[in-house]
């Protein structure tokens, strides 16, 4: 399950992570000399903290240790990328051997700085054809310039979670498939409160501060190309970005305007609590991941929940079903002296179908291997099936890895904030400046 604030973390860590380059040995499977069959203790750090998530990790580690009795794994949870970065930079016996991170946006910096070992030689030594194990999009966000420094550990697909009871009451028989219909449905589901100055319910909270409603999630529906063949930022030259920003700004206006919506959003509860506005009925449709429906059911909502892909632009109706993909990644610290043993753990967690399925079932995420997606042991609810289909869709896409990690996404996001507020008179000219800033930041990071 992803965590909010991921982009902010990525930007804050950019300079510090790049400093790891001088501290990392960059050893690979060819230079790793430890005996994976010897008695050894590995240190594994991850970011999960919720009791159910932590238990799922511990159960998976117990199964691994049973299959590898010579390897003991010491697990440390609730580790932020900042703590991981500091430990990797310091090195030594207290540094982790294996690391799991929610920050897929930092894969480019982890690979570029050689903080994590390239896993390609380990895959080859094990006879694993990664293209036959992992979906194409997941491989794209776990490597950088051919350096497969991380592998996917579960997958997140983003779609639409909606209140079927509210739909029925409004006479809406199916979720919207095109953007124009999306706006119509959102307006129909929006009700003013008694004062008329706020809302009793909004059909959708469309502003970019609304949890998972980010520019990157929405841009995916336009199938954007972030960089051209020469690696230059492409936001001003690909019409997808201006079209998405315009469509989102128009939806904000159609639902009452930025200021009114933001005042209402300030009344929302925490994204990970039972007071989430979808749970409480303050919003009828939510842009979210596969975990939202089961979380809402666990919160005891009093309505029926539906899921669907996000709508697509009207001129791309044939591509309905696609969406934005992301996920958790796992890698081996370059400074680890136990890389062969560490690879046994990483290989088990990421490529063993039983392990991947069990973890996905436990924390309500989409599996990250092709075999696990088709496993009969995968617990597939009607709500989850939507996200499995999004994960399989050939035109689902993600944000590419770059040397500056998620900084280029922050630059785009900050511009999107200005657009939705009405502070940008010329979107095309603004995107040209965004391109310049992105290219400058990436050049500094490389």
Protein backbone atom coordinates (compact mmCIF):
# COMPACT_ATOMS: atom_id res chain seq x y z
CA UNK A 1 0.00 0.00 0.00
CA UNK A 2 1.44 3.43 -0.88
CA UNK A 3 1.88 6.25 1.55
CA UNK A 4 1.03 9.89 0.95
CA UNK A 5 3.82 12.44 0.93
CA UNK A 6 5.98 10.17 -1.17
CA UNK A 7 6.92 12.91 -3.64
CA UNK A 8 7.84 15.31 -0.87
CA UNK A 9 10.10 12.69 0.62
CA UNK A 10 11.70 12.04 -2.74
CA UNK A 11 12.55 15.69 -3.26
CA UNK A 12 13.94 16.14 0.24
CA UNK A 13 16.18 13.14 -0.18
CA UNK A 14 17.53 13.91 -3.62
CA UNK A 15 20.78 15.57 -2.60
CA UNK A 16 21.44 13.17 0.26
CA UNK A 17 20.77 10.05 -1.78
CA UNK A 18 23.08 11.20 -4.56
CA UNK A 19 25.79 11.57 -1.94
CA UNK A 20 25.60 7.82 -1.40
CA UNK A 21 27.53 7.24 -4.60
CA UNK A 22 30.86 7.71 -2.88
CA UNK A 23 29.90 5.41 -0.01
CA UNK A 24 28.64 2.45 -2.06
CA UNK A 25 30.86 -0.27 -3.45
CA UNK A 26 28.58 -1.16 -6.35
CA UNK A 27 29.30 -4.86 -5.94
CA UNK A 28 27.24 -7.25 -8.06
CA UNK A 29 26.49 -10.95 -8.14
CA UNK A 30 29.81 -11.48 -9.91
CA UNK A 31 31.77 -9.91 -7.06
CA UNK A 32 29.62 -11.09 -4.14
CA UNK A 33 31.65 -13.78 -2.36
CA UNK A 34 29.45 -14.86 0.56
CA UNK A 35 28.16 -18.43 0.68
CA UNK A 36 24.34 -18.33 0.57
CA UNK A 37 24.22 -21.74 2.27
CA UNK A 38 26.26 -20.65 5.27
CA UNK A 39 24.64 -19.68 8.56
CA UNK A 40 23.94 -15.97 8.28
CA UNK A 41 21.73 -13.24 9.69
CA UNK A 42 20.25 -10.66 7.33
CA UNK A 43 18.89 -7.26 8.24
CA UNK A 44 15.68 -6.37 6.37
CA UNK A 45 14.16 -2.90 6.63
CA UNK A 46 10.69 -2.00 5.39
CA UNK A 47 8.19 0.85 5.72
CA UNK A 48 4.98 -0.92 6.77
CA UNK A 49 3.59 -0.03 10.17
CA UNK A 50 -0.09 -1.06 10.39
CA UNK A 51 -0.52 -4.23 12.50
CA UNK A 52 -2.00 -6.27 9.65
CA UNK A 53 0.76 -5.24 7.27
CA UNK A 54 3.51 -5.99 9.80
CA UNK A 55 2.01 -9.41 10.49
CA UNK A 56 1.91 -10.13 6.76
CA UNK A 57 5.62 -9.34 6.50
CA UNK A 58 6.45 -11.48 9.53
CA UNK A 59 4.43 -14.41 8.19
CA UNK A 60 6.29 -14.19 4.87
CA UNK A 61 9.66 -14.07 6.59
CA UNK A 62 8.73 -17.11 8.70
CA UNK A 63 7.95 -19.07 5.53
CA UNK A 64 11.25 -17.98 4.01
CA UNK A 65 13.25 -19.00 7.08
CA UNK A 66 11.54 -22.40 7.09
CA UNK A 67 12.63 -22.93 3.49
CA UNK A 68 16.13 -21.51 4.20
CA UNK A 69 17.00 -22.72 7.72
CA UNK A 70 20.54 -21.34 7.42
CA UNK A 71 19.28 -17.76 7.04
CA UNK A 72 17.86 -15.71 9.89
CA UNK A 73 16.16 -12.44 9.03
CA UNK A 74 16.01 -9.58 11.49
CA UNK A 75 13.10 -7.37 10.47
CA UNK A 76 12.77 -3.65 11.20
CA UNK A 77 9.55 -1.96 10.18
CA UNK A 78 8.24 1.59 9.87
CA UNK A 79 11.51 2.76 8.30
CA UNK A 80 11.36 5.94 6.26
CA UNK A 81 13.56 6.56 3.25
CA UNK A 82 15.38 9.21 5.28
CA UNK A 83 16.43 6.62 7.88
CA UNK A 84 17.32 4.14 5.14
CA UNK A 85 19.43 6.74 3.38
CA UNK A 86 21.34 7.60 6.53
CA UNK A 87 22.06 3.95 7.28
CA UNK A 88 23.24 3.17 3.76
CA UNK A 89 25.49 6.20 3.76
CA UNK A 90 27.01 5.24 7.11
CA UNK A 91 27.45 1.58 6.14
CA UNK A 92 28.86 -0.88 8.62
CA UNK A 93 27.25 -3.69 10.57
CA UNK A 94 24.14 -1.68 11.46
CA UNK A 95 23.19 -0.96 7.87
CA UNK A 96 20.43 -3.07 6.28
CA UNK A 97 21.19 -5.79 3.77
CA UNK A 98 17.77 -5.73 2.12
CA UNK A 99 15.51 -2.69 1.86
CA UNK A 100 11.88 -2.27 0.83
CA UNK A 101 10.74 1.23 -0.09
CA UNK A 102 7.40 2.81 -0.95
CA UNK A 103 9.28 5.54 -2.81
CA UNK A 104 9.19 4.24 -6.37
CA UNK A 105 9.84 7.82 -7.46
CA UNK A 106 13.36 7.56 -6.02
CA UNK A 107 14.36 4.44 -7.97
CA UNK A 108 16.31 6.61 -10.41
CA UNK A 109 18.40 8.08 -7.61
CA UNK A 110 18.88 4.73 -5.88
CA UNK A 111 20.13 3.21 -9.13
CA UNK A 112 22.12 6.23 -10.32
CA UNK A 113 23.94 6.57 -6.99
CA UNK A 114 24.61 2.81 -6.82
CA UNK A 115 23.09 2.78 -3.33
CA UNK A 116 21.43 -0.51 -4.34
CA UNK A 117 23.16 -3.32 -6.21
CA UNK A 118 22.24 -4.07 -9.81
CA UNK A 119 20.09 -7.20 -9.66
CA UNK A 120 20.51 -8.15 -13.33
CA UNK A 121 23.50 -10.43 -12.63
CA UNK A 122 21.62 -12.11 -9.77
CA UNK A 123 18.63 -12.70 -12.03
CA UNK A 124 20.84 -14.15 -14.75
CA UNK A 125 22.72 -16.37 -12.32
CA UNK A 126 19.37 -17.74 -11.10
CA UNK A 127 18.13 -18.31 -14.64
CA UNK A 128 15.23 -15.86 -14.21
CA UNK A 129 13.94 -14.07 -17.30
CA UNK A 130 12.51 -10.94 -15.72
CA UNK A 131 10.45 -10.10 -18.80
CA UNK A 132 8.57 -13.37 -18.34
CA UNK A 133 8.07 -12.89 -14.59
CA UNK A 134 7.05 -9.23 -14.19
CA UNK A 135 4.62 -7.01 -16.12
CA UNK A 136 6.38 -4.59 -18.45
CA UNK A 137 5.29 -1.41 -16.67
CA UNK A 138 6.58 -2.68 -13.31
CA UNK A 139 10.00 -3.34 -14.81
CA UNK A 140 10.01 0.21 -16.14
CA UNK A 141 9.65 1.81 -12.70
CA UNK A 142 12.08 -0.53 -10.93
CA UNK A 143 15.15 0.12 -13.11
CA UNK A 144 17.08 3.07 -14.50
CA UNK A 145 19.21 3.08 -17.65
CA UNK A 146 19.44 -0.70 -17.64
CA UNK A 147 20.36 -0.93 -13.95
CA UNK A 148 17.73 -3.17 -12.32
CA UNK A 149 18.57 -1.97 -8.83
CA UNK A 150 15.13 -2.87 -7.45
CA UNK A 151 12.37 -5.38 -8.15
CA UNK A 152 8.61 -5.03 -7.70
CA UNK A 153 7.15 -6.11 -4.36
CA UNK A 154 3.40 -5.96 -4.96
CA UNK A 155 1.70 -3.52 -7.27
CA UNK A 156 -0.72 -0.61 -6.95
CA UNK A 157 -3.27 0.18 -9.64
CA UNK A 158 -5.39 3.32 -9.51
CA UNK A 159 -9.02 3.55 -10.51
CA UNK A 160 -12.39 4.77 -9.34
CA UNK A 161 -14.07 3.64 -6.10
CA UNK A 162 -17.68 4.73 -5.88
CA UNK A 163 -20.79 4.66 -3.71
CA UNK A 164 -23.23 2.40 -5.59
CA UNK A 165 -26.03 3.33 -3.22
CA UNK A 166 -25.61 7.03 -4.02
CA UNK A 167 -25.46 6.18 -7.72
CA UNK A 168 -28.78 4.32 -7.53
CA UNK A 169 -30.44 7.14 -5.60
CA UNK A 170 -29.37 9.58 -8.31
CA UNK A 171 -30.57 7.28 -11.10
CA UNK A 172 -27.04 6.55 -12.35
CA UNK A 173 -26.84 2.99 -13.63
CA UNK A 174 -23.11 2.59 -14.37
CA UNK A 175 -19.79 4.29 -13.62
CA UNK A 176 -18.67 6.94 -16.13
CA UNK A 177 -16.30 5.82 -18.87
CA UNK A 178 -15.48 9.11 -20.59
CA UNK A 179 -14.34 12.38 -19.07
CA UNK A 180 -17.40 14.34 -20.17
CA UNK A 181 -19.67 11.78 -18.54
CA UNK A 182 -17.41 11.85 -15.45
CA UNK A 183 -18.13 15.57 -15.02
CA UNK A 184 -21.88 15.02 -15.51
CA UNK A 185 -22.00 12.25 -12.91
CA UNK A 186 -19.89 14.25 -10.43
CA UNK A 187 -22.27 17.21 -10.77
CA UNK A 188 -25.34 15.00 -10.36
CA UNK A 189 -23.92 13.50 -7.14
CA UNK A 190 -23.01 16.87 -5.64
CA UNK A 191 -25.42 18.34 -3.08
CA UNK A 192 -25.17 21.69 -1.32
CA UNK A 193 -25.62 21.91 2.43
CA UNK A 194 -28.41 23.90 4.08
CA UNK A 195 -26.41 27.13 3.96
CA UNK A 196 -25.60 26.78 0.28
CA UNK A 197 -22.03 27.87 1.01
CA UNK A 198 -20.65 24.35 1.33
CA UNK A 199 -21.58 20.79 0.52
CA UNK A 200 -23.46 17.92 2.01
CA UNK A 201 -21.73 15.69 -0.52
CA UNK A 202 -19.50 16.17 -3.56
CA UNK A 203 -19.54 13.72 -6.42
CA UNK A 204 -15.74 13.85 -6.46
CA UNK A 205 -13.08 15.94 -4.77
CA UNK A 206 -11.18 16.93 -7.94
CA UNK A 207 -8.45 19.15 -6.47
CA UNK A 208 -4.87 17.93 -6.56
CA UNK A 209 -4.56 18.04 -2.76
CA UNK A 210 -7.26 15.37 -2.48
CA UNK A 211 -5.30 12.31 -1.36
CA UNK A 212 -4.55 10.16 -4.43
CA UNK A 213 -5.94 12.69 -6.91
CA UNK A 214 -2.54 13.76 -8.24
CA UNK A 215 -1.58 15.17 -11.65
CA UNK A 216 0.30 11.97 -12.41
CA UNK A 217 -2.73 9.75 -11.72
CA UNK A 218 -4.93 11.81 -14.02
CA UNK A 219 -2.31 12.30 -16.74
CA UNK A 220 -2.08 8.53 -17.09
CA UNK A 221 -5.56 8.53 -18.63
CA UNK A 222 -4.22 10.65 -21.50
CA UNK A 223 -1.28 8.20 -22.08
CA UNK A 224 1.42 10.87 -21.73
CA UNK A 225 5.06 10.83 -22.81
CA UNK A 226 7.08 12.58 -20.11
CA UNK A 227 10.42 12.55 -21.97
CA UNK A 228 11.38 12.48 -25.63
CA UNK A 229 13.80 10.04 -27.26
CA UNK A 230 16.75 12.24 -26.23
CA UNK A 231 15.67 12.28 -22.57
CA UNK A 232 14.42 15.88 -22.60
CA UNK A 233 11.29 16.86 -20.71
CA UNK A 234 8.33 16.64 -23.08
CA UNK A 235 5.44 18.16 -21.13
CA UNK A 236 4.99 21.21 -23.35
CA UNK A 237 5.25 19.22 -26.59
CA UNK A 238 2.88 16.38 -25.68
CA UNK A 239 -0.70 17.76 -25.82
CA UNK A 240 -1.73 15.20 -23.18
CA UNK A 241 -0.51 17.36 -20.30
CA UNK A 242 -2.26 20.59 -21.31
CA UNK A 243 -5.46 18.67 -22.10
CA UNK A 244 -5.45 16.97 -18.70
CA UNK A 245 -4.79 20.20 -16.82
CA UNK A 246 -7.55 21.98 -18.72
CA UNK A 247 -10.03 19.15 -18.15
CA UNK A 248 -9.27 19.03 -14.42
CA UNK A 249 -9.51 22.81 -14.06
CA UNK A 250 -12.88 22.77 -15.83
CA UNK A 251 -14.15 20.04 -13.50
CA UNK A 252 -13.09 22.08 -10.46
CA UNK A 253 -15.10 25.00 -11.83
CA UNK A 254 -18.10 22.79 -12.61
CA UNK A 255 -18.24 21.53 -9.01
CA UNK A 256 -18.23 24.93 -7.38
CA UNK A 257 -14.77 26.34 -7.81
CA UNK A 258 -11.38 25.91 -6.16
CA UNK A 259 -11.92 27.97 -3.00
CA UNK A 260 -15.27 26.38 -2.13
CA UNK A 261 -13.98 22.86 -2.75
CA UNK A 262 -10.82 23.44 -0.72
CA UNK A 263 -12.82 24.73 2.24
CA UNK A 264 -14.88 21.56 2.13
CA UNK A 265 -11.77 19.43 1.78
CA UNK A 266 -10.42 20.92 5.01
CA UNK A 267 -13.21 19.05 6.85
CA UNK A 268 -12.00 15.65 5.65
CA UNK A 269 -10.49 13.01 7.93
CA UNK A 270 -7.16 11.25 7.54
CA UNK A 271 -6.68 9.17 4.40
CA UNK A 272 -5.90 6.03 6.41
CA UNK A 273 -8.60 6.37 9.06
CA UNK A 274 -12.26 5.44 9.33
CA UNK A 275 -12.99 9.18 8.90
CA UNK A 276 -11.93 9.15 5.27
CA UNK A 277 -14.57 11.23 3.38
CA UNK A 278 -15.51 8.32 1.14
CA UNK A 279 -16.24 6.24 4.24
CA UNK A 280 -18.37 8.99 5.76
CA UNK A 281 -20.30 9.76 2.57
CA UNK A 282 -18.85 13.23 2.02
CA UNK A 283 -17.65 12.15 -1.42
CA UNK A 284 -19.44 9.70 -3.70
CA UNK A 285 -16.52 8.88 -6.01
CA UNK A 286 -12.89 8.53 -5.03
CA UNK A 287 -9.77 8.27 -7.18
CA UNK A 288 -7.87 5.59 -5.28
CA UNK A 289 -6.08 2.26 -5.24
CA UNK A 290 -7.19 -1.31 -4.75
CA UNK A 291 -6.98 -1.03 -0.97
CA UNK A 292 -9.76 1.57 -0.59
CA UNK A 293 -12.75 -0.76 -1.03
CA UNK A 294 -11.65 -3.26 1.64
CA UNK A 295 -10.65 -0.41 3.96
CA UNK A 296 -14.11 1.11 3.55
CA UNK A 297 -15.76 -2.24 4.27
CA UNK A 298 -13.60 -2.68 7.36
CA UNK A 299 -14.75 0.79 8.47
CA UNK A 300 -18.33 -0.47 8.38
CA UNK A 301 -19.77 1.86 5.74
CA UNK A 302 -23.52 1.68 5.28
CA UNK A 303 -23.55 1.59 1.48
CA UNK A 304 -22.59 -0.73 -1.37
CA UNK A 305 -19.16 -0.15 -2.90
CA UNK A 306 -18.33 -0.33 -6.59
CA UNK A 307 -15.01 -0.07 -8.43
CA UNK A 308 -14.20 0.83 -12.03
CA UNK A 309 -11.30 2.13 -14.12
CA UNK A 310 -10.89 5.90 -14.21
CA UNK A 311 -12.65 7.55 -17.15
CA UNK A 312 -10.61 8.36 -20.24
CA UNK A 313 -10.70 11.40 -22.54
CA UNK A 314 -13.65 11.28 -24.90
CA UNK A 315 -11.38 10.84 -27.92
CA UNK A 316 -9.69 7.82 -26.29
CA UNK A 317 -12.85 5.92 -25.38
CA UNK A 318 -11.47 2.73 -26.95
CA UNK A 319 -8.72 2.68 -24.29
CA UNK A 320 -11.10 2.62 -21.34
CA UNK A 321 -9.73 0.29 -18.68
CA UNK A 322 -6.22 1.72 -18.42
CA UNK A 323 -4.79 3.47 -15.38
CA UNK A 324 -1.74 4.55 -13.41
CA UNK A 325 0.48 1.84 -11.91
CA UNK A 326 2.97 2.10 -9.09
CA UNK A 327 4.04 -0.05 -6.14
CA UNK A 328 6.57 -1.03 -3.53
CA UNK A 329 10.13 -1.93 -4.49
CA UNK A 330 12.85 -4.00 -2.85
CA UNK A 331 16.61 -3.99 -3.33
CA UNK A 332 19.95 -5.11 -1.91
CA UNK A 333 22.28 -2.58 -0.31
CA UNK A 334 25.45 -2.20 -2.36
CA UNK A 335 27.50 -2.13 0.81
CA UNK A 336 26.16 -5.45 2.10
CA UNK A 337 28.71 -8.23 2.58
CA UNK A 338 25.92 -10.82 2.40
CA UNK A 339 24.56 -10.15 -1.06
CA UNK A 340 24.19 -13.77 -2.18
CA UNK A 341 22.15 -14.59 0.91
CA UNK A 342 20.27 -11.30 0.54
CA UNK A 343 19.42 -12.31 -3.03
CA UNK A 344 17.80 -15.49 -1.75
CA UNK A 345 15.44 -13.34 0.32
CA UNK A 346 14.74 -10.87 -2.47
CA UNK A 347 14.21 -13.68 -4.97
CA UNK A 348 11.74 -15.38 -2.64
CA UNK A 349 9.77 -12.22 -1.87
CA UNK A 350 9.51 -11.05 -5.47
CA UNK A 351 9.39 -14.18 -7.66
CA UNK A 352 7.94 -16.99 -5.55
CA UNK A 353 4.29 -17.16 -6.60
CA UNK A 354 3.03 -18.52 -3.28
CA UNK A 355 4.86 -15.80 -1.35
CA UNK A 356 3.65 -12.99 -3.62
CA UNK A 357 0.03 -14.20 -3.54
CA UNK A 358 0.00 -14.64 0.24
CA UNK A 359 1.34 -11.13 0.76
CA UNK A 360 -1.12 -9.62 -1.73
CA UNK A 361 -4.04 -11.39 -0.05
CA UNK A 362 -2.96 -10.19 3.37
CA UNK A 363 -2.67 -6.47 2.60
CA UNK A 364 -5.19 -6.15 -0.25
CA UNK A 365 -2.71 -5.21 -2.97
CA UNK A 366 -2.32 -6.28 -6.58
CA UNK A 367 0.31 -9.04 -7.08
CA UNK A 368 3.48 -8.03 -8.91
CA UNK A 369 4.20 -11.11 -11.04
CA UNK A 370 2.39 -12.44 -14.08
CA UNK A 371 2.00 -15.86 -12.46
CA UNK A 372 0.58 -14.45 -9.23
CA UNK A 373 -1.97 -12.39 -11.17
CA UNK A 374 -3.35 -15.65 -12.58
CA UNK A 375 -2.97 -17.75 -9.41
CA UNK A 376 -6.10 -19.63 -8.27
CA UNK A 377 -5.03 -18.87 -4.69
CA UNK A 378 -5.43 -15.12 -5.21
CA UNK A 379 -8.46 -13.93 -3.26
CA UNK A 380 -10.31 -11.98 -5.93
CA UNK A 381 -13.34 -9.95 -4.91
CA UNK A 382 -15.42 -8.15 -7.54
CA UNK A 383 -13.85 -4.88 -6.36
CA UNK A 384 -10.31 -6.21 -6.66
CA UNK A 385 -10.92 -7.67 -10.12
CA UNK A 386 -11.23 -4.14 -11.47
CA UNK A 387 -7.70 -3.31 -10.36
CA UNK A 388 -6.29 -6.61 -11.61
CA UNK A 389 -7.70 -5.74 -15.02
CA UNK A 390 -6.17 -2.25 -14.84
CA UNK A 391 -2.81 -3.82 -13.98
CA UNK A 392 -3.10 -6.10 -17.04
CA UNK A 393 -4.27 -3.39 -19.45
CA UNK A 394 -1.67 -2.86 -22.21
CA UNK A 395 -2.02 0.93 -22.05
CA UNK A 396 -1.76 1.31 -18.27
CA UNK A 397 1.33 3.40 -17.58
CA UNK A 398 3.54 4.94 -14.93
CA UNK A 399 5.96 7.81 -14.34
CA UNK A 400 9.45 6.91 -15.62
CA UNK A 401 12.51 6.75 -13.38
CA UNK A 402 14.96 9.63 -13.63
CA UNK A 403 18.21 10.59 -11.96
CA UNK A 404 16.46 13.29 -9.93
CA UNK A 405 13.99 10.78 -8.52
CA UNK A 406 10.59 12.37 -8.01
CA UNK A 407 11.77 15.98 -8.32
CA UNK A 408 10.52 16.29 -11.89
CA UNK A 409 7.10 15.12 -10.71
CA UNK A 410 7.11 17.71 -7.94
CA UNK A 411 7.85 20.42 -10.50
CA UNK A 412 4.90 19.27 -12.58
CA UNK A 413 2.68 18.93 -9.51
CA UNK A 414 3.45 22.42 -8.25
CA UNK A 415 2.58 23.83 -11.66
CA UNK A 416 -0.70 21.87 -11.60
CA UNK A 417 -1.52 23.40 -8.22
CA UNK A 418 -1.15 26.85 -9.76
CA UNK A 419 -3.29 25.93 -12.77
CA UNK A 420 -6.24 24.67 -10.74
CA UNK A 421 -6.22 27.82 -8.61
CA UNK A 422 -6.49 29.96 -11.73
CA UNK A 423 -3.01 31.44 -11.29
CA UNK A 424 -1.77 30.40 -14.76
CA UNK A 425 -2.96 32.44 -17.74
CA UNK A 426 -1.08 30.47 -20.40
CA UNK A 427 -0.78 26.72 -19.72
CA UNK A 428 1.37 26.07 -22.80
CA UNK A 429 3.91 28.74 -21.86
CA UNK A 430 3.92 27.50 -18.29
CA UNK A 431 4.61 23.93 -19.36
CA UNK A 432 7.57 25.17 -21.45
CA UNK A 433 9.08 26.66 -18.28
CA UNK A 434 8.35 23.40 -16.44
CA UNK A 435 10.32 21.55 -19.13
CA UNK A 436 13.27 23.88 -18.65
CA UNK A 437 13.27 23.38 -14.89
CA UNK A 438 12.99 19.60 -15.18
CA UNK A 439 15.88 19.41 -17.65
CA UNK A 440 18.02 21.61 -15.39
CA UNK A 441 17.29 19.49 -12.29
CA UNK A 442 18.01 16.22 -14.06
CA UNK A 443 21.30 17.56 -15.50
CA UNK A 444 22.40 18.50 -11.97
CA UNK A 445 21.49 15.05 -10.63
CA UNK A 446 23.30 13.03 -13.30
